[in-house]
PDB file of N, CA and C in Angstrom:
ATOM      1  N   MET A   1     -82.877 -25.799 -80.425  1.00  0.00           N
ATOM      2  CA  MET A   1     -81.562 -26.230 -80.858  1.00  0.00           C
ATOM      3  C   MET A   1     -80.516 -25.403 -80.123  1.00  0.00           C
ATOM      4  N   ASN A   2     -79.506 -26.056 -79.599  1.00  0.00           N
ATOM      5  CA  ASN A   2     -78.425 -25.399 -78.876  1.00  0.00           C
ATOM      6  C   ASN A   2     -77.111 -25.868 -79.491  1.00  0.00           C
ATOM      7  N   LYS A   3     -76.609 -25.112 -80.461  1.00  0.00           N
ATOM      8  CA  LYS A   3     -75.381 -25.481 -81.172  1.00  0.00           C
ATOM      9  C   LYS A   3     -74.531 -24.234 -81.329  1.00  0.00           C
ATOM     10  N   ILE A   4     -73.246 -24.364 -81.062  1.00  0.00           N
ATOM     11  CA  ILE A   4     -72.349 -23.218 -81.171  1.00  0.00           C
ATOM     12  C   ILE A   4     -71.085 -23.648 -81.910  1.00  0.00           C
ATOM     13  N   LEU A   5     -70.551 -22.743 -82.713  1.00  0.00           N
ATOM     14  CA  LEU A   5     -69.314 -22.988 -83.459  1.00  0.00           C
ATOM     15  C   LEU A   5     -68.427 -21.763 -83.292  1.00  0.00           C
ATOM     16  N   LEU A   6     -67.206 -21.975 -82.798  1.00  0.00           N
ATOM     17  CA  LEU A   6     -66.280 -20.879 -82.524  1.00  0.00           C
ATOM     18  C   LEU A   6     -64.920 -21.171 -83.139  1.00  0.00           C
ATOM     19  N   ILE A   7     -64.255 -20.115 -83.583  1.00  0.00           N
ATOM     20  CA  ILE A   7     -62.867 -20.202 -84.021  1.00  0.00           C
ATOM     21  C   ILE A   7     -62.109 -19.113 -83.281  1.00  0.00           C
ATOM     22  N   GLY A   8     -61.043 -19.509 -82.593  1.00  0.00           N
ATOM     23  CA  GLY A   8     -60.270 -18.535 -81.843  1.00  0.00           C
ATOM     24  C   GLY A   8     -58.947 -19.109 -81.382  1.00  0.00           C
ATOM     25  N   ARG A   9     -58.183 -18.277 -80.686  1.00  0.00           N
ATOM     26  CA  ARG A   9     -56.867 -18.682 -80.179  1.00  0.00           C
ATOM     27  C   ARG A   9     -56.949 -18.970 -78.682  1.00  0.00           C
ATOM     28  N   MET A  10     -56.237 -20.018 -78.294  1.00  0.00           N
ATOM     29  CA  MET A  10     -56.186 -20.374 -76.877  1.00  0.00           C
ATOM     30  C   MET A  10     -55.421 -19.296 -76.116  1.00  0.00           C
ATOM     31  N   THR A  11     -55.995 -18.823 -75.013  1.00  0.00           N
ATOM     32  CA  THR A  11     -55.389 -17.728 -74.261  1.00  0.00           C
ATOM     33  C   THR A  11     -54.339 -18.193 -73.265  1.00  0.00           C
ATOM     34  N   LYS A  12     -54.375 -19.463 -72.896  1.00  0.00           N
ATOM     35  CA  LYS A  12     -53.357 -20.059 -72.024  1.00  0.00           C
ATOM     36  C   LYS A  12     -53.390 -21.564 -72.239  1.00  0.00           C
ATOM     37  N   ASN A  13     -52.413 -22.249 -71.691  1.00  0.00           N
ATOM     38  CA  ASN A  13     -52.386 -23.699 -71.828  1.00  0.00           C
ATOM     39  C   ASN A  13     -53.603 -24.310 -71.136  1.00  0.00           C
ATOM     40  N   PRO A  14     -54.183 -25.348 -71.724  1.00  0.00           N
ATOM     41  CA  PRO A  14     -55.361 -25.970 -71.118  1.00  0.00           C
ATOM     42  C   PRO A  14     -55.005 -26.691 -69.819  1.00  0.00           C
ATOM     43  N   SER A  15     -55.992 -26.802 -68.927  1.00  0.00           N
ATOM     44  CA  SER A  15     -55.786 -27.545 -67.681  1.00  0.00           C
ATOM     45  C   SER A  15     -56.720 -28.748 -67.672  1.00  0.00           C
ATOM     46  N   ILE A  16     -56.192 -29.890 -67.263  1.00  0.00           N
ATOM     47  CA  ILE A  16     -56.983 -31.121 -67.239  1.00  0.00           C
ATOM     48  C   ILE A  16     -57.075 -31.630 -65.807  1.00  0.00           C
ATOM     49  N   LYS A  17     -58.227 -32.210 -65.494  1.00  0.00           N
ATOM     50  CA  LYS A  17     -58.466 -32.743 -64.158  1.00  0.00           C
ATOM     51  C   LYS A  17     -59.274 -34.021 -64.290  1.00  0.00           C
ATOM     52  N   GLN A  18     -58.915 -35.019 -63.501  1.00  0.00           N
ATOM     53  CA  GLN A  18     -59.704 -36.247 -63.476  1.00  0.00           C
ATOM     54  C   GLN A  18     -60.716 -36.134 -62.342  1.00  0.00           C
ATOM     55  N   ILE A  19     -61.983 -36.376 -62.656  1.00  0.00           N
ATOM     56  CA  ILE A  19     -63.046 -36.315 -61.660  1.00  0.00           C
ATOM     57  C   ILE A  19     -62.975 -37.591 -60.815  1.00  0.00           C
ATOM     58  N   GLU A  20     -62.788 -37.426 -59.513  1.00  0.00           N
ATOM     59  CA  GLU A  20     -62.572 -38.577 -58.634  1.00  0.00           C
ATOM     60  C   GLU A  20     -63.749 -39.541 -58.615  1.00  0.00           C
ATOM     61  N   THR A  21     -64.960 -39.011 -58.594  1.00  0.00           N
ATOM     62  CA  THR A  21     -66.131 -39.876 -58.450  1.00  0.00           C
ATOM     63  C   THR A  21     -66.415 -40.715 -59.686  1.00  0.00           C
ATOM     64  N   THR A  22     -66.029 -40.213 -60.873  1.00  0.00           N
ATOM     65  CA  THR A  22     -66.342 -40.933 -62.115  1.00  0.00           C
ATOM     66  C   THR A  22     -65.107 -41.435 -62.847  1.00  0.00           C
ATOM     67  N   GLY A  23     -63.946 -40.844 -62.562  1.00  0.00           N
ATOM     68  CA  GLY A  23     -62.732 -41.194 -63.291  1.00  0.00           C
ATOM     69  C   GLY A  23     -62.647 -40.544 -64.659  1.00  0.00           C
ATOM     70  N   ASN A  24     -63.647 -39.734 -65.010  1.00  0.00           N
ATOM     71  CA  ASN A  24     -63.685 -39.063 -66.312  1.00  0.00           C
ATOM     72  C   ASN A  24     -62.766 -37.840 -66.301  1.00  0.00           C
ATOM     73  N   ASN A  25     -62.156 -37.537 -67.429  1.00  0.00           N
ATOM     74  CA  ASN A  25     -61.282 -36.370 -67.552  1.00  0.00           C
ATOM     75  C   ASN A  25     -62.055 -35.159 -68.045  1.00  0.00           C
ATOM     76  N   ARG A  26     -61.741 -34.000 -67.435  1.00  0.00           N
ATOM     77  CA  ARG A  26     -62.326 -32.724 -67.848  1.00  0.00           C
ATOM     78  C   ARG A  26     -61.182 -31.758 -68.122  1.00  0.00           C
ATOM     79  N   CYS A  27     -61.271 -31.053 -69.243  1.00  0.00           N
ATOM     80  CA  CYS A  27     -60.248 -30.083 -69.618  1.00  0.00           C
ATOM     81  C   CYS A  27     -60.918 -28.724 -69.818  1.00  0.00           C
ATOM     82  N   ASN A  28     -60.349 -27.697 -69.197  1.00  0.00           N
ATOM     83  CA  ASN A  28     -60.862 -26.334 -69.328  1.00  0.00           C
ATOM     84  C   ASN A  28     -59.838 -25.469 -70.042  1.00  0.00           C
ATOM     85  N   PHE A  29     -60.347 -24.605 -70.914  1.00  0.00           N
ATOM     86  CA  PHE A  29     -59.498 -23.625 -71.575  1.00  0.00           C
ATOM     87  C   PHE A  29     -60.371 -22.468 -72.037  1.00  0.00           C
ATOM     88  N   THR A  30     -59.724 -21.385 -72.406  1.00  0.00           N
ATOM     89  CA  THR A  30     -60.424 -20.196 -72.893  1.00  0.00           C
ATOM     90  C   THR A  30     -59.886 -19.857 -74.267  1.00  0.00           C
ATOM     91  N   ILE A  31     -60.795 -19.475 -75.177  1.00  0.00           N
ATOM     92  CA  ILE A  31     -60.351 -19.017 -76.491  1.00  0.00           C
ATOM     93  C   ILE A  31     -60.787 -17.568 -76.693  1.00  0.00           C
ATOM     94  N   ALA A  32     -59.923 -16.820 -77.355  1.00  0.00           N
ATOM     95  CA  ALA A  32     -60.220 -15.435 -77.729  1.00  0.00           C
ATOM     96  C   ALA A  32     -60.784 -15.454 -79.144  1.00  0.00           C
ATOM     97  N   VAL A  33     -62.013 -14.971 -79.270  1.00  0.00           N
ATOM     98  CA  VAL A  33     -62.709 -14.961 -80.558  1.00  0.00           C
ATOM     99  C   VAL A  33     -62.873 -13.512 -80.997  1.00  0.00           C
ATOM    100  N   ASN A  34     -62.266 -13.160 -82.125  1.00  0.00           N
ATOM    101  CA  ASN A  34     -62.362 -11.790 -82.629  1.00  0.00           C
ATOM    102  C   ASN A  34     -63.781 -11.471 -83.067  1.00  0.00           C
ATOM    103  N   ARG A  35     -64.219 -10.261 -82.748  1.00  0.00           N
ATOM    104  CA  ARG A  35     -65.518  -9.779 -83.225  1.00  0.00           C
ATOM    105  C   ARG A  35     -65.372  -9.316 -84.668  1.00  0.00           C
ATOM    106  N   ARG A  36     -66.444  -9.401 -85.403  1.00  0.00           N
ATOM    107  CA  ARG A  36     -66.397  -9.011 -86.817  1.00  0.00           C
ATOM    108  C   ARG A  36     -66.416  -7.495 -86.981  1.00  0.00           C
ATOM    109  N   VAL A  37     -66.946  -6.789 -85.996  1.00  0.00           N
ATOM    110  CA  VAL A  37     -67.091  -5.332 -86.083  1.00  0.00           C
ATOM    111  C   VAL A  37     -66.058  -4.674 -85.179  1.00  0.00           C
ATOM    112  N   ARG A  38     -65.452  -3.618 -85.667  1.00  0.00           N
ATOM    113  CA  ARG A  38     -64.473  -2.873 -84.867  1.00  0.00           C
ATOM    114  C   ARG A  38     -65.195  -1.934 -83.908  1.00  0.00           C
ATOM    115  N   ASN A  39     -64.501  -1.535 -82.835  1.00  0.00           N
ATOM    116  CA  ASN A  39     -65.097  -0.599 -81.884  1.00  0.00           C
ATOM    117  C   ASN A  39     -65.062   0.822 -82.447  1.00  0.00           C
ATOM    118  N   THR A  40     -65.506   1.791 -81.668  1.00  0.00           N
ATOM    119  CA  THR A  40     -65.594   3.174 -82.147  1.00  0.00           C
ATOM    120  C   THR A  40     -64.230   3.782 -82.461  1.00  0.00           C
ATOM    121  N   ASN A  41     -63.161   3.214 -81.912  1.00  0.00           N
ATOM    122  CA  ASN A  41     -61.801   3.681 -82.206  1.00  0.00           C
ATOM    123  C   ASN A  41     -61.188   2.963 -83.401  1.00  0.00           C
ATOM    124  N   GLY A  42     -61.962   2.088 -84.037  1.00  0.00           N
ATOM    125  CA  GLY A  42     -61.468   1.352 -85.192  1.00  0.00           C
ATOM    126  C   GLY A  42     -60.587   0.162 -84.854  1.00  0.00           C
ATOM    127  N   GLU A  43     -60.598  -0.240 -83.581  1.00  0.00           N
ATOM    128  CA  GLU A  43     -59.759  -1.353 -83.139  1.00  0.00           C
ATOM    129  C   GLU A  43     -60.554  -2.652 -83.093  1.00  0.00           C
ATOM    130  N   ASN A  44     -59.841  -3.757 -83.297  1.00  0.00           N
ATOM    131  CA  ASN A  44     -60.466  -5.068 -83.145  1.00  0.00           C
ATOM    132  C   ASN A  44     -60.670  -5.368 -81.667  1.00  0.00           C
ATOM    133  N   GLU A  45     -61.772  -6.037 -81.355  1.00  0.00           N
ATOM    134  CA  GLU A  45     -62.024  -6.505 -79.998  1.00  0.00           C
ATOM    135  C   GLU A  45     -62.280  -7.999 -80.043  1.00  0.00           C
ATOM    136  N   ALA A  46     -62.108  -8.640 -78.905  1.00  0.00           N
ATOM    137  CA  ALA A  46     -62.314 -10.089 -78.834  1.00  0.00           C
ATOM    138  C   ALA A  46     -63.174 -10.422 -77.626  1.00  0.00           C
ATOM    139  N   ASP A  47     -63.876 -11.531 -77.738  1.00  0.00           N
ATOM    140  CA  ASP A  47     -64.596 -12.107 -76.608  1.00  0.00           C
ATOM    141  C   ASP A  47     -63.786 -13.295 -76.113  1.00  0.00           C
ATOM    142  N   PHE A  48     -63.729 -13.461 -74.812  1.00  0.00           N
ATOM    143  CA  PHE A  48     -62.979 -14.554 -74.206  1.00  0.00           C
ATOM    144  C   PHE A  48     -63.976 -15.588 -73.705  1.00  0.00           C
ATOM    145  N   ILE A  49     -63.993 -16.736 -74.382  1.00  0.00           N
ATOM    146  CA  ILE A  49     -65.027 -17.740 -74.178  1.00  0.00           C
ATOM    147  C   ILE A  49     -64.454 -18.944 -73.428  1.00  0.00           C
ATOM    148  N   PRO A  50     -65.005 -19.260 -72.229  1.00  0.00           N
ATOM    149  CA  PRO A  50     -64.560 -20.461 -71.521  1.00  0.00           C
ATOM    150  C   PRO A  50     -65.155 -21.716 -72.159  1.00  0.00           C
ATOM    151  N   VAL A  51     -64.319 -22.742 -72.301  1.00  0.00           N
ATOM    152  CA  VAL A  51     -64.735 -24.001 -72.926  1.00  0.00           C
ATOM    153  C   VAL A  51     -64.365 -25.153 -71.995  1.00  0.00           C
ATOM    154  N   THR A  52     -65.264 -26.123 -71.897  1.00  0.00           N
ATOM    155  CA  THR A  52     -65.007 -27.360 -71.162  1.00  0.00           C
ATOM    156  C   THR A  52     -65.210 -28.529 -72.105  1.00  0.00           C
ATOM    157  N   VAL A  53     -64.260 -29.452 -72.120  1.00  0.00           N
ATOM    158  CA  VAL A  53     -64.398 -30.684 -72.904  1.00  0.00           C
ATOM    159  C   VAL A  53     -64.155 -31.868 -71.976  1.00  0.00           C
ATOM    160  N   TRP A  54     -64.696 -33.018 -72.357  1.00  0.00           N
ATOM    161  CA  TRP A  54     -64.667 -34.205 -71.508  1.00  0.00           C
ATOM    162  C   TRP A  54     -64.050 -35.391 -72.229  1.00  0.00           C
ATOM    163  N   GLY A  55     -63.631 -36.388 -71.440  1.00  0.00           N
ATOM    164  CA  GLY A  55     -63.220 -37.686 -71.967  1.00  0.00           C
ATOM    165  C   GLY A  55     -61.975 -37.636 -72.829  1.00  0.00           C
ATOM    166  N   LYS A  56     -62.019 -38.382 -73.934  1.00  0.00           N
ATOM    167  CA  LYS A  56     -60.881 -38.482 -74.846  1.00  0.00           C
ATOM    168  C   LYS A  56     -60.552 -37.124 -75.472  1.00  0.00           C
ATOM    169  N   THR A  57     -61.587 -36.330 -75.756  1.00  0.00           N
ATOM    170  CA  THR A  57     -61.348 -34.985 -76.295  1.00  0.00           C
ATOM    171  C   THR A  57     -60.533 -34.164 -75.305  1.00  0.00           C
ATOM    172  N   ALA A  58     -60.858 -34.264 -74.020  1.00  0.00           N
ATOM    173  CA  ALA A  58     -60.116 -33.541 -72.982  1.00  0.00           C
ATOM    174  C   ALA A  58     -58.652 -33.965 -72.966  1.00  0.00           C
ATOM    175  N   GLU A  59     -58.415 -35.265 -73.066  1.00  0.00           N
ATOM    176  CA  GLU A  59     -57.043 -35.772 -73.068  1.00  0.00           C
ATOM    177  C   GLU A  59     -56.255 -35.246 -74.261  1.00  0.00           C
ATOM    178  N   ASN A  60     -56.869 -35.254 -75.439  1.00  0.00           N
ATOM    179  CA  ASN A  60     -56.186 -34.789 -76.653  1.00  0.00           C
ATOM    180  C   ASN A  60     -55.900 -33.291 -76.615  1.00  0.00           C
ATOM    181  N   VAL A  61     -56.862 -32.500 -76.138  1.00  0.00           N
ATOM    182  CA  VAL A  61     -56.646 -31.053 -76.038  1.00  0.00           C
ATOM    183  C   VAL A  61     -55.490 -30.771 -75.085  1.00  0.00           C
ATOM    184  N   ALA A  62     -55.495 -31.406 -73.918  1.00  0.00           N
ATOM    185  CA  ALA A  62     -54.435 -31.171 -72.931  1.00  0.00           C
ATOM    186  C   ALA A  62     -53.072 -31.616 -73.453  1.00  0.00           C
ATOM    187  N   ARG A  63     -53.043 -32.670 -74.224  1.00  0.00           N
ATOM    188  CA  ARG A  63     -51.778 -33.227 -74.711  1.00  0.00           C
ATOM    189  C   ARG A  63     -51.194 -32.430 -75.875  1.00  0.00           C
ATOM    190  N   TYR A  64     -52.044 -31.969 -76.790  1.00  0.00           N
ATOM    191  CA  TYR A  64     -51.537 -31.431 -78.056  1.00  0.00           C
ATOM    192  C   TYR A  64     -51.724 -29.928 -78.267  1.00  0.00           C
ATOM    193  N   MET A  65     -52.554 -29.269 -77.488  1.00  0.00           N
ATOM    194  CA  MET A  65     -52.833 -27.852 -77.740  1.00  0.00           C
ATOM    195  C   MET A  65     -52.206 -26.979 -76.668  1.00  0.00           C
ATOM    196  N   LYS A  66     -51.795 -25.780 -77.084  1.00  0.00           N
ATOM    197  CA  LYS A  66     -51.133 -24.854 -76.174  1.00  0.00           C
ATOM    198  C   LYS A  66     -51.601 -23.425 -76.432  1.00  0.00           C
ATOM    199  N   LYS A  67     -51.191 -22.550 -75.533  1.00  0.00           N
ATOM    200  CA  LYS A  67     -51.487 -21.129 -75.664  1.00  0.00           C
ATOM    201  C   LYS A  67     -51.083 -20.638 -77.051  1.00  0.00           C
ATOM    202  N   GLY A  68     -51.976 -19.861 -77.678  1.00  0.00           N
ATOM    203  CA  GLY A  68     -51.693 -19.277 -78.979  1.00  0.00           C
ATOM    204  C   GLY A  68     -52.188 -20.089 -80.152  1.00  0.00           C
ATOM    205  N   TYR A  69     -52.520 -21.368 -79.940  1.00  0.00           N
ATOM    206  CA  TYR A  69     -52.985 -22.215 -81.042  1.00  0.00           C
ATOM    207  C   TYR A  69     -54.364 -21.759 -81.515  1.00  0.00           C
ATOM    208  N   LEU A  70     -54.542 -21.755 -82.831  1.00  0.00           N
ATOM    209  CA  LEU A  70     -55.842 -21.464 -83.430  1.00  0.00           C
ATOM    210  C   LEU A  70     -56.645 -22.760 -83.475  1.00  0.00           C
ATOM    211  N   VAL A  71     -57.838 -22.736 -82.865  1.00  0.00           N
ATOM    212  CA  VAL A  71     -58.667 -23.940 -82.788  1.00  0.00           C
ATOM    213  C   VAL A  71     -60.107 -23.629 -83.186  1.00  0.00           C
ATOM    214  N   GLY A  72     -60.787 -24.654 -83.631  1.00  0.00           N
ATOM    215  CA  GLY A  72     -62.219 -24.588 -83.882  1.00  0.00           C
ATOM    216  C   GLY A  72     -62.923 -25.458 -82.862  1.00  0.00           C
ATOM    217  N   VAL A  73     -63.989 -24.942 -82.276  1.00  0.00           N
ATOM    218  CA  VAL A  73     -64.743 -25.674 -81.259  1.00  0.00           C
ATOM    219  C   VAL A  73     -66.204 -25.707 -81.673  1.00  0.00           C
ATOM    220  N   SER A  74     -66.793 -26.894 -81.665  1.00  0.00           N
ATOM    221  CA  SER A  74     -68.241 -26.997 -81.833  1.00  0.00           C
ATOM    222  C   SER A  74     -68.796 -27.666 -80.587  1.00  0.00           C
ATOM    223  N   GLY A  75     -69.969 -27.226 -80.185  1.00  0.00           N
ATOM    224  CA  GLY A  75     -70.566 -27.767 -78.968  1.00  0.00           C
ATOM    225  C   GLY A  75     -71.868 -27.069 -78.658  1.00  0.00           C
ATOM    226  N   ARG A  76     -72.130 -26.916 -77.356  1.00  0.00           N
ATOM    227  CA  ARG A  76     -73.375 -26.292 -76.917  1.00  0.00           C
ATOM    228  C   ARG A  76     -73.085 -25.288 -75.806  1.00  0.00           C
ATOM    229  N   LEU A  77     -73.976 -24.338 -75.662  1.00  0.00           N
ATOM    230  CA  LEU A  77     -73.874 -23.340 -74.605  1.00  0.00           C
ATOM    231  C   LEU A  77     -74.565 -23.885 -73.365  1.00  0.00           C
ATOM    232  N   GLN A  78     -73.922 -23.707 -72.213  1.00  0.00           N
ATOM    233  CA  GLN A  78     -74.493 -24.217 -70.969  1.00  0.00           C
ATOM    234  C   GLN A  78     -74.390 -23.149 -69.892  1.00  0.00           C
ATOM    235  N   VAL A  79     -75.438 -23.016 -69.098  1.00  0.00           N
ATOM    236  CA  VAL A  79     -75.433 -22.131 -67.943  1.00  0.00           C
ATOM    237  C   VAL A  79     -75.644 -23.003 -66.715  1.00  0.00           C
ATOM    238  N   ARG A  80     -74.730 -22.901 -65.757  1.00  0.00           N
ATOM    239  CA  ARG A  80     -74.886 -23.658 -64.518  1.00  0.00           C
ATOM    240  C   ARG A  80     -74.834 -22.696 -63.342  1.00  0.00           C
ATOM    241  N   THR A  81     -75.345 -23.138 -62.215  1.00  0.00           N
ATOM    242  CA  THR A  81     -75.417 -22.282 -61.035  1.00  0.00           C
ATOM    243  C   THR A  81     -74.772 -22.971 -59.836  1.00  0.00           C
ATOM    244  N   TYR A  82     -74.371 -22.135 -58.893  1.00  0.00           N
ATOM    245  CA  TYR A  82     -73.880 -22.631 -57.609  1.00  0.00           C
ATOM    246  C   TYR A  82     -74.088 -21.533 -56.579  1.00  0.00           C
ATOM    247  N   GLN A  83     -73.970 -21.889 -55.295  1.00  0.00           N
ATOM    248  CA  GLN A  83     -74.067 -20.901 -54.229  1.00  0.00           C
ATOM    249  C   GLN A  83     -72.675 -20.619 -53.686  1.00  0.00           C
ATOM    250  N   ASP A  84     -72.371 -19.315 -53.539  1.00  0.00           N
ATOM    251  CA  ASP A  84     -71.075 -18.957 -52.967  1.00  0.00           C
ATOM    252  C   ASP A  84     -71.129 -19.095 -51.447  1.00  0.00           C
ATOM    253  N   VAL A  85     -70.040 -18.762 -50.769  1.00  0.00           N
ATOM    254  CA  VAL A  85     -69.961 -18.934 -49.315  1.00  0.00           C
ATOM    255  C   VAL A  85     -70.959 -18.064 -48.560  1.00  0.00           C
ATOM    256  N   ASP A  86     -71.421 -16.973 -49.194  1.00  0.00           N
ATOM    257  CA  ASP A  86     -72.403 -16.095 -48.564  1.00  0.00           C
ATOM    258  C   ASP A  86     -73.835 -16.511 -48.878  1.00  0.00           C
ATOM    259  N   GLY A  87     -74.008 -17.599 -49.620  1.00  0.00           N
ATOM    260  CA  GLY A  87     -75.349 -18.070 -49.956  1.00  0.00           C
ATOM    261  C   GLY A  87     -75.946 -17.422 -51.191  1.00  0.00           C
ATOM    262  N   ASN A  88     -75.161 -16.615 -51.909  1.00  0.00           N
ATOM    263  CA  ASN A  88     -75.653 -15.972 -53.131  1.00  0.00           C
ATOM    264  C   ASN A  88     -75.563 -16.938 -54.303  1.00  0.00           C
ATOM    265  N   ARG A  89     -76.578 -16.925 -55.142  1.00  0.00           N
ATOM    266  CA  ARG A  89     -76.571 -17.780 -56.330  1.00  0.00           C
ATOM    267  C   ARG A  89     -75.713 -17.131 -57.413  1.00  0.00           C
ATOM    268  N   LYS A  90     -74.782 -17.888 -57.957  1.00  0.00           N
ATOM    269  CA  LYS A  90     -73.889 -17.433 -59.020  1.00  0.00           C
ATOM    270  C   LYS A  90     -74.155 -18.248 -60.276  1.00  0.00           C
ATOM    271  N   TYR A  91     -73.976 -17.599 -61.428  1.00  0.00           N
ATOM    272  CA  TYR A  91     -74.211 -18.240 -62.716  1.00  0.00           C
ATOM    273  C   TYR A  91     -72.910 -18.292 -63.508  1.00  0.00           C
ATOM    274  N   ILE A  92     -72.674 -19.407 -64.166  1.00  0.00           N
ATOM    275  CA  ILE A  92     -71.510 -19.568 -65.035  1.00  0.00           C
ATOM    276  C   ILE A  92     -72.011 -19.966 -66.413  1.00  0.00           C
ATOM    277  N   THR A  93     -71.632 -19.180 -67.426  1.00  0.00           N
ATOM    278  CA  THR A  93     -71.971 -19.500 -68.808  1.00  0.00           C
ATOM    279  C   THR A  93     -70.703 -19.990 -69.489  1.00  0.00           C
ATOM    280  N   GLU A  94     -70.790 -21.169 -70.111  1.00  0.00           N
ATOM    281  CA  GLU A  94     -69.623 -21.755 -70.764  1.00  0.00           C
ATOM    282  C   GLU A  94     -70.061 -22.566 -71.971  1.00  0.00           C
ATOM    283  N   VAL A  95     -69.092 -22.875 -72.808  1.00  0.00           N
ATOM    284  CA  VAL A  95     -69.320 -23.762 -73.944  1.00  0.00           C
ATOM    285  C   VAL A  95     -68.863 -25.156 -73.531  1.00  0.00           C
ATOM    286  N   VAL A  96     -69.724 -26.133 -73.729  1.00  0.00           N
ATOM    287  CA  VAL A  96     -69.331 -27.530 -73.561  1.00  0.00           C
ATOM    288  C   VAL A  96     -68.964 -28.025 -74.948  1.00  0.00           C
ATOM    289  N   GLY A  97     -67.678 -28.216 -75.166  1.00  0.00           N
ATOM    290  CA  GLY A  97     -67.183 -28.600 -76.485  1.00  0.00           C
ATOM    291  C   GLY A  97     -67.389 -30.078 -76.756  1.00  0.00           C
ATOM    292  N   GLU A  98     -67.921 -30.370 -77.919  1.00  0.00           N
ATOM    293  CA  GLU A  98     -68.091 -31.758 -78.347  1.00  0.00           C
ATOM    294  C   GLU A  98     -66.999 -32.159 -79.330  1.00  0.00           C
ATOM    295  N   GLU A  99     -66.466 -31.169 -80.044  1.00  0.00           N
ATOM    296  CA  GLU A  99     -65.411 -31.422 -81.020  1.00  0.00           C
ATOM    297  C   GLU A  99     -64.461 -30.228 -81.029  1.00  0.00           C
ATOM    298  N   VAL A 100     -63.160 -30.509 -81.019  1.00  0.00           N
ATOM    299  CA  VAL A 100     -62.139 -29.464 -81.086  1.00  0.00           C
ATOM    300  C   VAL A 100     -61.187 -29.834 -82.211  1.00  0.00           C
ATOM    301  N   GLN A 101     -60.912 -28.868 -83.091  1.00  0.00           N
ATOM    302  CA  GLN A 101     -60.034 -29.126 -84.234  1.00  0.00           C
ATOM    303  C   GLN A 101     -58.852 -28.166 -84.238  1.00  0.00           C
ATOM    304  N   PHE A 102     -57.673 -28.706 -84.601  1.00  0.00           N
ATOM    305  CA  PHE A 102     -56.499 -27.872 -84.840  1.00  0.00           C
ATOM    306  C   PHE A 102     -56.723 -27.145 -86.162  1.00  0.00           C
ATOM    307  N   LEU A 103     -56.464 -25.867 -86.203  1.00  0.00           N
ATOM    308  CA  LEU A 103     -56.639 -25.117 -87.445  1.00  0.00           C
ATOM    309  C   LEU A 103     -55.325 -24.606 -88.011  1.00  0.00           C
ATOM    310  N   GLU A 104     -54.208 -24.977 -87.397  1.00  0.00           N
ATOM    311  CA  GLU A 104     -52.895 -24.638 -87.926  1.00  0.00           C
ATOM    312  C   GLU A 104     -51.875 -25.610 -87.361  1.00  0.00           C
ATOM    313  N   THR A 105     -50.742 -25.688 -88.010  1.00  0.00           N
ATOM    314  CA  THR A 105     -49.689 -26.571 -87.524  1.00  0.00           C
ATOM    315  C   THR A 105     -48.935 -25.901 -86.383  1.00  0.00           C
ATOM    316  N   LYS A 106     -48.141 -26.656 -85.667  1.00  0.00           N
ATOM    317  CA  LYS A 106     -47.349 -26.102 -84.564  1.00  0.00           C
ATOM    318  C   LYS A 106     -46.432 -24.992 -85.046  1.00  0.00           C
ATOM    319  N   LYS A 107     -45.832 -25.168 -86.204  1.00  0.00           N
ATOM    320  CA  LYS A 107     -44.909 -24.169 -86.742  1.00  0.00           C
ATOM    321  C   LYS A 107     -45.626 -22.838 -86.982  1.00  0.00           C
ATOM    322  N   GLU A 108     -46.875 -22.876 -87.482  1.00  0.00           N
ATOM    323  CA  GLU A 108     -47.635 -21.655 -87.746  1.00  0.00           C
ATOM    324  C   GLU A 108     -48.033 -20.945 -86.463  1.00  0.00           C
ATOM    325  N   ALA A 109     -48.220 -21.678 -85.364  1.00  0.00           N
ATOM    326  CA  ALA A 109     -48.686 -21.096 -84.109  1.00  0.00           C
ATOM    327  C   ALA A 109     -47.607 -20.302 -83.394  1.00  0.00           C
ATOM    328  N   VAL A 110     -46.350 -20.530 -83.719  1.00  0.00           N
ATOM    329  CA  VAL A 110     -45.243 -19.871 -83.015  1.00  0.00           C
ATOM    330  C   VAL A 110     -45.142 -18.425 -83.379  1.00  0.00           C
TER     331      VAL A 110
END
């Protein structure tokens, strides 16, 4: 089973791109997810999680969500690979979001 559920704040405005070969929309964004445990200095820390959503979900995220918004994301974890210009294999770990929910109103996000 590969299922992930995250709640966090968008770190910047989402970016949307239409894939030329398929015409499908892809939207990328990052959310900051607070850790439950504080560090040795007693401070909160966060993980910055890259998320990709597709299709109608991508369109809605790009249209209605902005930096600072609190969102919930459910989806799956994916690892993909590519070769850089030097021929080295690189790995990218990201969440492929299947559902994204607003967790506060626009007024609360300001």
